[in-house]
């Protein structure tokens, strides 16, 4: 799961930077969605861990 989270974060940052340089609006939202997905995976992992 850590590899998936890191891949999502990397893809999100790259998409966001690409969108800022080109001015493409939809690519920016793809980057934001990737980062939100990585945060959602982190939240699910924390909730599933037994205390």
PDB file of N, CA and C in Angstrom:
ATOM      1  N   UNK A   1       0.806  -1.194   0.000  1.00  0.00           N
ATOM      2  CA  UNK A   1       0.000   0.000   0.000  1.00  0.00           C
ATOM      3  C   UNK A   1       0.852   1.262   0.000  1.00  0.00           C
ATOM      4  N   UNK A   2       2.017   1.174   0.600  1.00  0.00           N
ATOM      5  CA  UNK A   2       2.883   2.348   0.638  1.00  0.00           C
ATOM      6  C   UNK A   2       3.342   2.715  -0.768  1.00  0.00           C
ATOM      7  N   UNK A   3       3.643   1.700  -1.570  1.00  0.00           N
ATOM      8  CA  UNK A   3       4.077   1.969  -2.943  1.00  0.00           C
ATOM      9  C   UNK A   3       2.961   2.630  -3.751  1.00  0.00           C
ATOM     10  N   UNK A   4       1.734   2.195  -3.543  1.00  0.00           N
ATOM     11  CA  UNK A   4       0.598   2.800  -4.239  1.00  0.00           C
ATOM     12  C   UNK A   4       0.418   4.249  -3.815  1.00  0.00           C
ATOM     13  N   UNK A   5       0.519   4.508  -2.519  1.00  0.00           N
ATOM     14  CA  UNK A   5       0.395   5.884  -2.026  1.00  0.00           C
ATOM     15  C   UNK A   5       1.489   6.780  -2.593  1.00  0.00           C
ATOM     16  N   UNK A   6       2.726   6.284  -2.619  1.00  0.00           N
ATOM     17  CA  UNK A   6       3.831   7.075  -3.161  1.00  0.00           C
ATOM     18  C   UNK A   6       3.651   7.321  -4.657  1.00  0.00           C
ATOM     19  N   UNK A   7       3.155   6.317  -5.375  1.00  0.00           N
ATOM     20  CA  UNK A   7       2.911   6.494  -6.807  1.00  0.00           C
ATOM     21  C   UNK A   7       1.820   7.533  -7.041  1.00  0.00           C
ATOM     22  N   UNK A   8       0.761   7.506  -6.245  1.00  0.00           N
ATOM     23  CA  UNK A   8      -0.309   8.491  -6.381  1.00  0.00           C
ATOM     24  C   UNK A   8       0.190   9.899  -6.058  1.00  0.00           C
ATOM     25  N   UNK A   9       0.991  10.016  -5.020  1.00  0.00           N
ATOM     26  CA  UNK A   9       1.534  11.327  -4.653  1.00  0.00           C
ATOM     27  C   UNK A   9       2.448  11.847  -5.761  1.00  0.00           C
ATOM     28  N   UNK A  10       3.313  10.992  -6.278  1.00  0.00           N
ATOM     29  CA  UNK A  10       4.209  11.403  -7.359  1.00  0.00           C
ATOM     30  C   UNK A  10       3.454  11.807  -8.611  1.00  0.00           C
ATOM     31  N   UNK A  11       2.464  11.006  -8.981  1.00  0.00           N
ATOM     32  CA  UNK A  11       1.665  11.332 -10.172  1.00  0.00           C
ATOM     33  C   UNK A  11       0.881  12.619  -9.959  1.00  0.00           C
ATOM     34  N   UNK A  12       0.373  12.805  -8.755  1.00  0.00           N
ATOM     35  CA  UNK A  12      -0.385  14.013  -8.465  1.00  0.00           C
ATOM     36  C   UNK A  12       0.464  15.263  -8.534  1.00  0.00           C
ATOM     37  N   UNK A  13       1.649  15.205  -7.979  1.00  0.00           N
ATOM     38  CA  UNK A  13       2.539  16.372  -8.004  1.00  0.00           C
ATOM     39  C   UNK A  13       2.985  16.671  -9.428  1.00  0.00           C
ATOM     40  N   UNK A  14       3.325  15.624 -10.183  1.00  0.00           N
ATOM     41  CA  UNK A  14       3.751  15.843 -11.565  1.00  0.00           C
ATOM     42  C   UNK A  14       2.615  16.419 -12.413  1.00  0.00           C
ATOM     43  N   UNK A  15       1.411  15.908 -12.224  1.00  0.00           N
ATOM     44  CA  UNK A  15       0.270  16.424 -12.986  1.00  0.00           C
ATOM     45  C   UNK A  15      -0.012  17.871 -12.608  1.00  0.00           C
ATOM     46  N   UNK A  16       0.085  18.185 -11.327  1.00  0.00           N
ATOM     47  CA  UNK A  16      -0.191  19.545 -10.873  1.00  0.00           C
ATOM     48  C   UNK A  16       0.841  20.527 -11.434  1.00  0.00           C
ATOM     49  N   UNK A  17       2.113  20.144 -11.397  1.00  0.00           N
ATOM     50  CA  UNK A  17       3.166  21.012 -11.942  1.00  0.00           C
ATOM     51  C   UNK A  17       2.990  21.175 -13.451  1.00  0.00           C
ATOM     52  N   UNK A  18       2.670  20.083 -14.139  1.00  0.00           N
ATOM     53  CA  UNK A  18       2.427  20.154 -15.582  1.00  0.00           C
ATOM     54  C   UNK A  18       1.265  21.091 -15.889  1.00  0.00           C
ATOM     55  N   UNK A  19       0.213  21.019 -15.089  1.00  0.00           N
ATOM     56  CA  UNK A  19      -0.956  21.877 -15.306  1.00  0.00           C
ATOM     57  C   UNK A  19      -0.619  23.340 -15.053  1.00  0.00           C
ATOM     58  N   UNK A  20       0.199  23.615 -14.071  1.00  0.00           N
ATOM     59  CA  UNK A  20       0.580  25.001 -13.806  1.00  0.00           C
ATOM     60  C   UNK A  20       1.415  25.581 -14.950  1.00  0.00           C
ATOM     61  N   UNK A  21       2.254  24.746 -15.550  1.00  0.00           N
ATOM     62  CA  UNK A  21       3.104  25.236 -16.649  1.00  0.00           C
ATOM     63  C   UNK A  21       2.330  25.405 -17.948  1.00  0.00           C
ATOM     64  N   UNK A  22       1.342  24.527 -18.185  1.00  0.00           N
ATOM     65  CA  UNK A  22       0.615  24.583 -19.452  1.00  0.00           C
ATOM     66  C   UNK A  22      -0.696  25.335 -19.344  1.00  0.00           C
ATOM     67  N   UNK A  23      -1.215  25.496 -18.145  1.00  0.00           N
ATOM     68  CA  UNK A  23      -2.488  26.178 -17.970  1.00  0.00           C
ATOM     69  C   UNK A  23      -3.689  25.285 -18.217  1.00  0.00           C
ATOM     70  N   UNK A  24      -3.472  23.976 -18.265  1.00  0.00           N
ATOM     71  CA  UNK A  24      -4.561  23.032 -18.507  1.00  0.00           C
ATOM     72  C   UNK A  24      -5.316  22.789 -17.196  1.00  0.00           C
ATOM     73  N   UNK A  25      -6.593  23.115 -17.220  1.00  0.00           N
ATOM     74  CA  UNK A  25      -7.393  23.039 -15.998  1.00  0.00           C
ATOM     75  C   UNK A  25      -7.669  21.597 -15.571  1.00  0.00           C
ATOM     76  N   UNK A  26      -8.023  20.721 -16.510  1.00  0.00           N
ATOM     77  CA  UNK A  26      -8.427  19.372 -16.125  1.00  0.00           C
ATOM     78  C   UNK A  26      -7.266  18.553 -15.592  1.00  0.00           C
ATOM     79  N   UNK A  27      -6.046  18.836 -16.044  1.00  0.00           N
ATOM     80  CA  UNK A  27      -4.888  18.089 -15.531  1.00  0.00           C
ATOM     81  C   UNK A  27      -4.630  18.470 -14.074  1.00  0.00           C
ATOM     82  N   UNK A  28      -4.895  19.728 -13.739  1.00  0.00           N
ATOM     83  CA  UNK A  28      -4.750  20.154 -12.351  1.00  0.00           C
ATOM     84  C   UNK A  28      -5.688  19.365 -11.452  1.00  0.00           C
ATOM     85  N   UNK A  29      -6.916  19.159 -11.915  1.00  0.00           N
ATOM     86  CA  UNK A  29      -7.882  18.414 -11.110  1.00  0.00           C
ATOM     87  C   UNK A  29      -7.525  16.938 -11.017  1.00  0.00           C
ATOM     88  N   UNK A  30      -6.896  16.397 -12.039  1.00  0.00           N
ATOM     89  CA  UNK A  30      -6.409  15.015 -11.971  1.00  0.00           C
ATOM     90  C   UNK A  30      -5.326  14.907 -10.898  1.00  0.00           C
ATOM     91  N   UNK A  31      -4.431  15.887 -10.843  1.00  0.00           N
ATOM     92  CA  UNK A  31      -3.394  15.895  -9.812  1.00  0.00           C
ATOM     93  C   UNK A  31      -3.973  16.008  -8.414  1.00  0.00           C
ATOM     94  N   UNK A  32      -4.962  16.858  -8.266  1.00  0.00           N
ATOM     95  CA  UNK A  32      -5.609  17.006  -6.962  1.00  0.00           C
ATOM     96  C   UNK A  32      -6.317  15.719  -6.574  1.00  0.00           C
ATOM     97  N   UNK A  33      -6.951  15.057  -7.539  1.00  0.00           N
ATOM     98  CA  UNK A  33      -7.642  13.795  -7.264  1.00  0.00           C
ATOM     99  C   UNK A  33      -6.658  12.697  -6.856  1.00  0.00           C
ATOM    100  N   UNK A  34      -5.481  12.666  -7.471  1.00  0.00           N
ATOM    101  CA  UNK A  34      -4.460  11.681  -7.087  1.00  0.00           C
ATOM    102  C   UNK A  34      -4.005  11.900  -5.650  1.00  0.00           C
ATOM    103  N   UNK A  35      -3.777  13.153  -5.288  1.00  0.00           N
ATOM    104  CA  UNK A  35      -3.367  13.445  -3.914  1.00  0.00           C
ATOM    105  C   UNK A  35      -4.480  13.125  -2.920  1.00  0.00           C
ATOM    106  N   UNK A  36      -5.709  13.410  -3.290  1.00  0.00           N
ATOM    107  CA  UNK A  36      -6.838  13.088  -2.416  1.00  0.00           C
ATOM    108  C   UNK A  36      -6.974  11.577  -2.259  1.00  0.00           C
ATOM    109  N   UNK A  37      -6.727  10.835  -3.322  1.00  0.00           N
ATOM    110  CA  UNK A  37      -6.773   9.379  -3.233  1.00  0.00           C
ATOM    111  C   UNK A  37      -5.710   8.832  -2.299  1.00  0.00           C
ATOM    112  N   UNK A  38      -4.513   9.406  -2.352  1.00  0.00           N
ATOM    113  CA  UNK A  38      -3.436   8.968  -1.449  1.00  0.00           C
ATOM    114  C   UNK A  38      -3.804   9.254  -0.003  1.00  0.00           C
ATOM    115  N   UNK A  39      -4.413  10.405   0.249  1.00  0.00           N
ATOM    116  CA  UNK A  39      -4.833  10.723   1.615  1.00  0.00           C
ATOM    117  C   UNK A  39      -5.968   9.813   2.071  1.00  0.00           C
ATOM    118  N   UNK A  40      -6.859   9.464   1.163  1.00  0.00           N
ATOM    119  CA  UNK A  40      -7.951   8.565   1.506  1.00  0.00           C
ATOM    120  C   UNK A  40      -7.433   7.172   1.854  1.00  0.00           C
ATOM    121  N   UNK A  41      -6.445   6.691   1.108  1.00  0.00           N
ATOM    122  CA  UNK A  41      -5.838   5.393   1.417  1.00  0.00           C
ATOM    123  C   UNK A  41      -5.199   5.430   2.797  1.00  0.00           C
ATOM    124  N   UNK A  42      -4.536   6.538   3.125  1.00  0.00           N
ATOM    125  CA  UNK A  42      -3.918   6.667   4.444  1.00  0.00           C
ATOM    126  C   UNK A  42      -4.969   6.635   5.545  1.00  0.00           C
ATOM    127  N   UNK A  43      -6.076   7.322   5.327  1.00  0.00           N
ATOM    128  CA  UNK A  43      -7.153   7.328   6.320  1.00  0.00           C
ATOM    129  C   UNK A  43      -7.729   5.933   6.511  1.00  0.00           C
ATOM    130  N   UNK A  44      -7.957   5.219   5.433  1.00  0.00           N
ATOM    131  CA  UNK A  44      -8.504   3.857   5.522  1.00  0.00           C
ATOM    132  C   UNK A  44      -7.533   2.944   6.253  1.00  0.00           C
ATOM    133  N   UNK A  45      -6.247   3.071   5.977  1.00  0.00           N
ATOM    134  CA  UNK A  45      -5.254   2.231   6.666  1.00  0.00           C
ATOM    135  C   UNK A  45      -5.256   2.501   8.164  1.00  0.00           C
ATOM    136  N   UNK A  46      -5.374   3.766   8.557  1.00  0.00           N
ATOM    137  CA  UNK A  46      -5.383   4.095   9.987  1.00  0.00           C
ATOM    138  C   UNK A  46      -6.630   3.572  10.683  1.00  0.00           C
ATOM    139  N   UNK A  47      -7.751   3.611   9.991  1.00  0.00           N
ATOM    140  CA  UNK A  47      -9.002   3.150  10.601  1.00  0.00           C
ATOM    141  C   UNK A  47      -9.045   1.633  10.713  1.00  0.00           C
ATOM    142  N   UNK A  48      -8.343   0.926   9.843  1.00  0.00           N
ATOM    143  CA  UNK A  48      -8.365  -0.532   9.849  1.00  0.00           C
ATOM    144  C   UNK A  48      -7.379  -1.133  10.848  1.00  0.00           C
ATOM    145  N   UNK A  49      -6.390  -0.348  11.297  1.00  0.00           N
ATOM    146  CA  UNK A  49      -5.401  -0.863  12.241  1.00  0.00           C
ATOM    147  C   UNK A  49      -6.044  -1.090  13.609  1.00  0.00           C
ATOM    148  N   UNK A  50      -5.827  -2.258  14.189  1.00  0.00           N
ATOM    149  CA  UNK A  50      -6.318  -2.465  15.556  1.00  0.00           C
ATOM    150  C   UNK A  50      -5.467  -1.706  16.566  1.00  0.00           C
ATOM    151  N   UNK A  51      -6.079  -1.240  17.594  1.00  0.00           N
ATOM    152  CA  UNK A  51      -5.336  -0.468  18.597  1.00  0.00           C
ATOM    153  C   UNK A  51      -4.912  -1.317  19.755  1.00  0.00           C
TER     154      UNK A  51
END
